[in-house]
N, C-alpha and C. Protein backbone atom coordinates (compact mmCIF):
# COMPACT_ATOMS: atom_id res chain seq x y z
N MET A 1 12.78 -12.05 19.50
CA MET A 1 12.13 -11.91 18.21
C MET A 1 12.94 -12.67 17.17
N THR A 2 12.26 -13.45 16.34
CA THR A 2 12.95 -14.22 15.32
C THR A 2 13.36 -13.32 14.16
N GLU A 3 14.27 -13.82 13.33
CA GLU A 3 14.73 -13.04 12.18
C GLU A 3 13.57 -12.72 11.24
N LYS A 4 12.69 -13.71 11.02
CA LYS A 4 11.52 -13.49 10.15
C LYS A 4 10.59 -12.43 10.75
N THR A 5 10.37 -12.48 12.05
CA THR A 5 9.51 -11.50 12.71
C THR A 5 10.13 -10.10 12.62
N GLU A 6 11.43 -10.00 12.81
CA GLU A 6 12.11 -8.70 12.69
C GLU A 6 12.01 -8.16 11.27
N ARG A 7 12.17 -9.04 10.29
CA ARG A 7 12.09 -8.64 8.88
C ARG A 7 10.68 -8.13 8.58
N ASN A 8 9.66 -8.88 9.01
CA ASN A 8 8.27 -8.45 8.78
C ASN A 8 7.99 -7.12 9.47
N SER A 9 8.56 -6.93 10.64
CA SER A 9 8.38 -5.67 11.36
C SER A 9 9.00 -4.51 10.59
N ARG A 10 10.19 -4.71 10.01
CA ARG A 10 10.84 -3.67 9.20
C ARG A 10 9.99 -3.34 7.98
N ILE A 11 9.50 -4.38 7.30
CA ILE A 11 8.66 -4.18 6.11
C ILE A 11 7.38 -3.44 6.50
N ARG A 12 6.75 -3.86 7.58
CA ARG A 12 5.52 -3.21 8.06
C ARG A 12 5.76 -1.73 8.35
N ASN A 13 6.84 -1.42 9.05
CA ASN A 13 7.15 -0.02 9.38
C ASN A 13 7.42 0.81 8.13
N LEU A 14 8.14 0.23 7.17
CA LEU A 14 8.41 0.93 5.91
C LEU A 14 7.11 1.15 5.13
N ASN A 15 6.25 0.12 5.10
CA ASN A 15 4.97 0.26 4.40
C ASN A 15 4.08 1.31 5.05
N ASP A 16 4.03 1.31 6.37
CA ASP A 16 3.22 2.31 7.08
C ASP A 16 3.73 3.72 6.80
N ALA A 17 5.04 3.90 6.85
CA ALA A 17 5.62 5.22 6.60
C ALA A 17 5.32 5.66 5.16
N PHE A 18 5.46 4.76 4.21
CA PHE A 18 5.18 5.08 2.81
C PHE A 18 3.70 5.40 2.61
N ARG A 19 2.83 4.57 3.16
CA ARG A 19 1.38 4.78 3.00
C ARG A 19 0.96 6.12 3.58
N ARG A 20 1.53 6.50 4.69
CA ARG A 20 1.15 7.75 5.36
C ARG A 20 1.74 8.99 4.69
N SER A 21 2.92 8.86 4.07
CA SER A 21 3.60 10.04 3.54
C SER A 21 3.71 10.07 2.02
N GLY A 22 3.72 8.89 1.40
CA GLY A 22 3.97 8.81 -0.04
C GLY A 22 5.45 8.86 -0.38
N ASN A 23 6.30 9.04 0.63
CA ASN A 23 7.75 9.09 0.42
C ASN A 23 8.32 7.68 0.35
N GLY A 24 9.26 7.47 -0.56
CA GLY A 24 9.91 6.16 -0.67
C GLY A 24 9.30 5.28 -1.73
N GLY A 25 8.47 5.88 -2.59
CA GLY A 25 7.86 5.07 -3.63
C GLY A 25 6.97 5.89 -4.53
N GLN A 26 6.09 5.20 -5.21
CA GLN A 26 5.17 5.83 -6.15
C GLN A 26 3.75 5.37 -5.85
N VAL A 27 2.79 6.26 -6.08
CA VAL A 27 1.39 5.95 -5.86
C VAL A 27 0.67 6.07 -7.20
N TYR A 28 -0.08 5.03 -7.54
CA TYR A 28 -0.85 5.01 -8.78
C TYR A 28 -2.33 4.87 -8.48
N LEU A 29 -3.13 5.64 -9.18
CA LEU A 29 -4.58 5.55 -9.08
C LEU A 29 -5.09 4.94 -10.38
N THR A 30 -5.98 3.97 -10.27
CA THR A 30 -6.56 3.40 -11.48
C THR A 30 -7.51 4.40 -12.11
N ARG A 31 -7.94 4.11 -13.29
CA ARG A 31 -8.85 4.99 -14.02
C ARG A 31 -10.12 5.26 -13.22
N GLY A 32 -10.67 4.22 -12.59
CA GLY A 32 -11.89 4.39 -11.81
C GLY A 32 -11.70 5.32 -10.62
N ILE A 33 -10.63 5.14 -9.90
CA ILE A 33 -10.34 6.00 -8.74
C ILE A 33 -10.05 7.41 -9.22
N ASN A 34 -9.27 7.54 -10.27
CA ASN A 34 -8.90 8.86 -10.78
C ASN A 34 -10.10 9.63 -11.32
N SER A 35 -11.17 8.93 -11.69
CA SER A 35 -12.35 9.61 -12.23
C SER A 35 -13.29 10.13 -11.13
N LEU A 36 -12.98 9.83 -9.87
CA LEU A 36 -13.79 10.34 -8.77
C LEU A 36 -13.68 11.86 -8.70
N PRO A 37 -14.71 12.53 -8.20
CA PRO A 37 -14.58 13.96 -7.95
C PRO A 37 -13.39 14.21 -7.01
N GLU A 38 -12.71 15.33 -7.20
CA GLU A 38 -11.47 15.63 -6.45
C GLU A 38 -11.67 15.52 -4.93
N GLU A 39 -12.76 16.03 -4.43
CA GLU A 39 -13.02 15.99 -2.98
C GLU A 39 -13.11 14.55 -2.47
N LEU A 40 -13.79 13.70 -3.22
CA LEU A 40 -13.92 12.29 -2.83
C LEU A 40 -12.58 11.57 -2.92
N LYS A 41 -11.81 11.89 -3.96
CA LYS A 41 -10.49 11.29 -4.13
C LYS A 41 -9.57 11.69 -2.96
N GLN A 42 -9.58 12.96 -2.59
CA GLN A 42 -8.75 13.42 -1.48
C GLN A 42 -9.18 12.77 -0.16
N ASP A 43 -10.48 12.60 0.03
CA ASP A 43 -10.97 11.93 1.23
C ASP A 43 -10.49 10.48 1.28
N LEU A 44 -10.53 9.79 0.14
CA LEU A 44 -10.05 8.41 0.08
C LEU A 44 -8.56 8.34 0.42
N LEU A 45 -7.76 9.23 -0.15
CA LEU A 45 -6.32 9.24 0.14
C LEU A 45 -6.06 9.49 1.62
N LYS A 46 -6.82 10.38 2.21
CA LYS A 46 -6.68 10.66 3.65
C LYS A 46 -7.02 9.41 4.47
N ARG A 47 -8.09 8.73 4.08
CA ARG A 47 -8.50 7.52 4.81
C ARG A 47 -7.47 6.40 4.67
N ILE A 48 -6.82 6.31 3.51
CA ILE A 48 -5.77 5.31 3.33
C ILE A 48 -4.58 5.64 4.22
N LYS A 49 -4.22 6.90 4.31
CA LYS A 49 -3.11 7.31 5.19
C LYS A 49 -3.40 6.95 6.64
N GLN A 50 -4.66 7.04 7.04
CA GLN A 50 -5.05 6.78 8.43
C GLN A 50 -5.44 5.33 8.68
N PHE A 51 -5.49 4.52 7.64
CA PHE A 51 -5.98 3.14 7.75
C PHE A 51 -5.17 2.35 8.78
N ASP A 52 -5.85 1.68 9.67
CA ASP A 52 -5.16 0.84 10.66
C ASP A 52 -5.96 -0.41 11.01
N THR A 53 -6.86 -0.80 10.14
CA THR A 53 -7.72 -1.95 10.38
C THR A 53 -7.12 -3.21 9.76
N PHE A 54 -5.89 -3.49 10.12
CA PHE A 54 -5.22 -4.68 9.61
C PHE A 54 -5.55 -5.85 10.52
N ASP A 55 -5.82 -7.01 9.90
CA ASP A 55 -6.11 -8.21 10.68
C ASP A 55 -5.59 -9.43 9.92
N ALA A 56 -5.78 -10.60 10.47
CA ALA A 56 -5.25 -11.83 9.87
C ALA A 56 -5.83 -12.07 8.47
N GLU A 57 -7.05 -11.61 8.22
CA GLU A 57 -7.67 -11.85 6.92
C GLU A 57 -7.07 -10.96 5.82
N ASN A 58 -6.87 -9.67 6.10
CA ASN A 58 -6.36 -8.78 5.06
C ASN A 58 -4.85 -8.54 5.17
N ASP A 59 -4.23 -9.09 6.20
CA ASP A 59 -2.79 -8.87 6.41
C ASP A 59 -2.12 -10.13 6.99
N PRO A 60 -2.19 -11.24 6.24
CA PRO A 60 -1.69 -12.52 6.80
C PRO A 60 -0.20 -12.54 7.12
N TYR A 61 0.60 -11.66 6.48
CA TYR A 61 2.04 -11.65 6.73
C TYR A 61 2.47 -10.49 7.62
N SER A 62 1.50 -9.75 8.16
CA SER A 62 1.76 -8.61 9.05
C SER A 62 2.68 -7.58 8.42
N GLU A 63 2.46 -7.31 7.11
CA GLU A 63 3.29 -6.34 6.41
C GLU A 63 2.55 -5.04 6.11
N HIS A 64 1.27 -4.97 6.40
CA HIS A 64 0.46 -3.77 6.15
C HIS A 64 0.56 -3.32 4.69
N ASP A 65 0.46 -4.29 3.77
CA ASP A 65 0.60 -3.99 2.35
C ASP A 65 -0.71 -4.02 1.57
N PHE A 66 -1.83 -4.18 2.26
CA PHE A 66 -3.13 -4.28 1.59
C PHE A 66 -4.22 -3.78 2.52
N GLY A 67 -5.21 -3.11 1.95
CA GLY A 67 -6.35 -2.68 2.74
C GLY A 67 -7.56 -2.47 1.86
N SER A 68 -8.71 -2.43 2.48
CA SER A 68 -9.97 -2.29 1.78
C SER A 68 -10.83 -1.23 2.47
N LEU A 69 -11.44 -0.36 1.67
CA LEU A 69 -12.32 0.69 2.19
C LEU A 69 -13.53 0.81 1.27
N SER A 70 -14.56 1.47 1.73
CA SER A 70 -15.74 1.72 0.89
C SER A 70 -15.74 3.15 0.39
N VAL A 71 -16.07 3.30 -0.89
CA VAL A 71 -16.22 4.61 -1.52
C VAL A 71 -17.49 4.55 -2.36
N ARG A 72 -18.46 5.40 -2.03
CA ARG A 72 -19.72 5.41 -2.78
C ARG A 72 -20.34 4.02 -2.86
N ASN A 73 -20.33 3.32 -1.77
CA ASN A 73 -20.87 1.96 -1.68
C ASN A 73 -20.14 0.96 -2.57
N GLU A 74 -18.94 1.29 -2.99
CA GLU A 74 -18.09 0.37 -3.74
C GLU A 74 -16.85 0.08 -2.91
N LYS A 75 -16.33 -1.12 -3.07
CA LYS A 75 -15.12 -1.49 -2.36
C LYS A 75 -13.90 -0.99 -3.12
N ALA A 76 -13.01 -0.31 -2.41
CA ALA A 76 -11.74 0.14 -2.98
C ALA A 76 -10.61 -0.54 -2.22
N TYR A 77 -9.53 -0.83 -2.93
CA TYR A 77 -8.36 -1.48 -2.34
C TYR A 77 -7.14 -0.59 -2.51
N PHE A 78 -6.20 -0.75 -1.58
CA PHE A 78 -4.84 -0.27 -1.82
C PHE A 78 -3.92 -1.46 -1.65
N LYS A 79 -2.91 -1.54 -2.50
CA LYS A 79 -1.97 -2.66 -2.49
C LYS A 79 -0.58 -2.10 -2.70
N ILE A 80 0.35 -2.49 -1.83
CA ILE A 80 1.75 -2.07 -1.95
C ILE A 80 2.56 -3.25 -2.48
N ASP A 81 3.29 -3.00 -3.57
CA ASP A 81 4.19 -3.99 -4.15
C ASP A 81 5.61 -3.47 -4.05
N TYR A 82 6.58 -4.39 -4.21
CA TYR A 82 7.99 -4.07 -4.00
C TYR A 82 8.80 -4.33 -5.27
N TYR A 83 9.47 -3.29 -5.74
CA TYR A 83 10.30 -3.40 -6.94
C TYR A 83 11.74 -3.00 -6.60
N ASN A 84 12.66 -3.41 -7.47
CA ASN A 84 14.05 -2.97 -7.28
C ASN A 84 14.14 -1.48 -7.56
N GLU A 85 15.33 -0.90 -7.38
CA GLU A 85 15.47 0.56 -7.48
C GLU A 85 15.07 1.12 -8.84
N ASN A 86 15.35 0.41 -9.92
CA ASN A 86 15.01 0.94 -11.25
C ASN A 86 13.69 0.36 -11.77
N MET A 87 12.99 -0.35 -10.94
CA MET A 87 11.66 -0.90 -11.22
C MET A 87 11.64 -1.85 -12.43
N SER A 88 12.74 -2.56 -12.64
CA SER A 88 12.81 -3.52 -13.74
C SER A 88 12.44 -4.94 -13.29
N ALA A 89 12.34 -5.15 -11.98
CA ALA A 89 12.02 -6.47 -11.44
C ALA A 89 11.58 -6.29 -9.98
N GLY A 90 11.13 -7.36 -9.38
CA GLY A 90 10.76 -7.32 -7.98
C GLY A 90 11.98 -7.07 -7.10
N SER A 91 11.73 -6.52 -5.92
CA SER A 91 12.81 -6.28 -4.97
C SER A 91 13.27 -7.60 -4.38
N GLU A 92 14.57 -7.76 -4.25
CA GLU A 92 15.11 -8.95 -3.60
C GLU A 92 14.96 -8.87 -2.09
N ASP A 93 14.82 -7.65 -1.54
CA ASP A 93 14.70 -7.49 -0.10
C ASP A 93 13.82 -6.29 0.25
N PRO A 94 12.50 -6.49 0.35
CA PRO A 94 11.60 -5.38 0.68
C PRO A 94 11.87 -4.74 2.04
N ALA A 95 12.66 -5.40 2.88
CA ALA A 95 13.01 -4.83 4.19
C ALA A 95 14.15 -3.82 4.07
N ASP A 96 14.77 -3.72 2.89
CA ASP A 96 15.87 -2.80 2.66
C ASP A 96 15.38 -1.64 1.80
N PRO A 97 15.18 -0.46 2.39
CA PRO A 97 14.65 0.66 1.60
C PRO A 97 15.61 1.13 0.51
N ALA A 98 16.89 0.87 0.64
CA ALA A 98 17.85 1.28 -0.39
C ALA A 98 17.75 0.39 -1.63
N ALA A 99 17.20 -0.80 -1.47
CA ALA A 99 17.09 -1.75 -2.58
C ALA A 99 15.66 -1.90 -3.07
N THR A 100 14.75 -1.06 -2.57
CA THR A 100 13.33 -1.26 -2.85
C THR A 100 12.64 0.05 -3.20
N THR A 101 11.84 0.00 -4.26
CA THR A 101 10.91 1.08 -4.58
C THR A 101 9.52 0.53 -4.30
N ARG A 102 8.80 1.16 -3.41
CA ARG A 102 7.45 0.74 -3.08
C ARG A 102 6.48 1.38 -4.08
N VAL A 103 5.50 0.59 -4.51
CA VAL A 103 4.48 1.08 -5.42
C VAL A 103 3.12 0.74 -4.82
N MET A 104 2.34 1.79 -4.54
CA MET A 104 0.99 1.56 -4.02
C MET A 104 0.00 1.85 -5.14
N THR A 105 -0.85 0.88 -5.41
CA THR A 105 -1.91 1.03 -6.38
C THR A 105 -3.22 1.12 -5.63
N ILE A 106 -4.02 2.12 -5.98
CA ILE A 106 -5.33 2.32 -5.36
C ILE A 106 -6.37 2.07 -6.46
N MET A 107 -7.30 1.16 -6.20
CA MET A 107 -8.23 0.71 -7.23
C MET A 107 -9.58 0.32 -6.65
N PHE A 108 -10.58 0.29 -7.48
CA PHE A 108 -11.85 -0.31 -7.11
C PHE A 108 -11.71 -1.81 -7.24
N SER A 109 -12.50 -2.56 -6.47
CA SER A 109 -12.39 -4.02 -6.49
C SER A 109 -12.62 -4.59 -7.89
N ASN A 110 -13.49 -3.96 -8.69
CA ASN A 110 -13.75 -4.49 -10.03
C ASN A 110 -12.62 -4.17 -11.01
N GLU A 111 -11.61 -3.43 -10.57
CA GLU A 111 -10.44 -3.15 -11.40
C GLU A 111 -9.26 -4.03 -11.03
N TYR A 112 -9.42 -4.87 -10.03
CA TYR A 112 -8.33 -5.71 -9.53
C TYR A 112 -8.03 -6.84 -10.49
């Protein structure tokens, strides 16, 4: 395995763990997502935790940092970004959990 492949694998594993648990970062819901009825919002969060439909189109770097689902016939996205520990700038090494705060934003496509 090359160094780049190993790095992507570490990032992918960290993103999957964060997406499934919410630990290791922060989760933000846009106004549109937050305005959904609570039951629908909880269902969406559950589906994001279980999401595993990653492919070359939605995951070109094999980092599992983006996904798309349907909610009420609308497209919703989740996107994971990487910031440094105090969130003042981007992370210099997203493969290092000690140097990275993951931020997942969940939004409707028209809010992107």
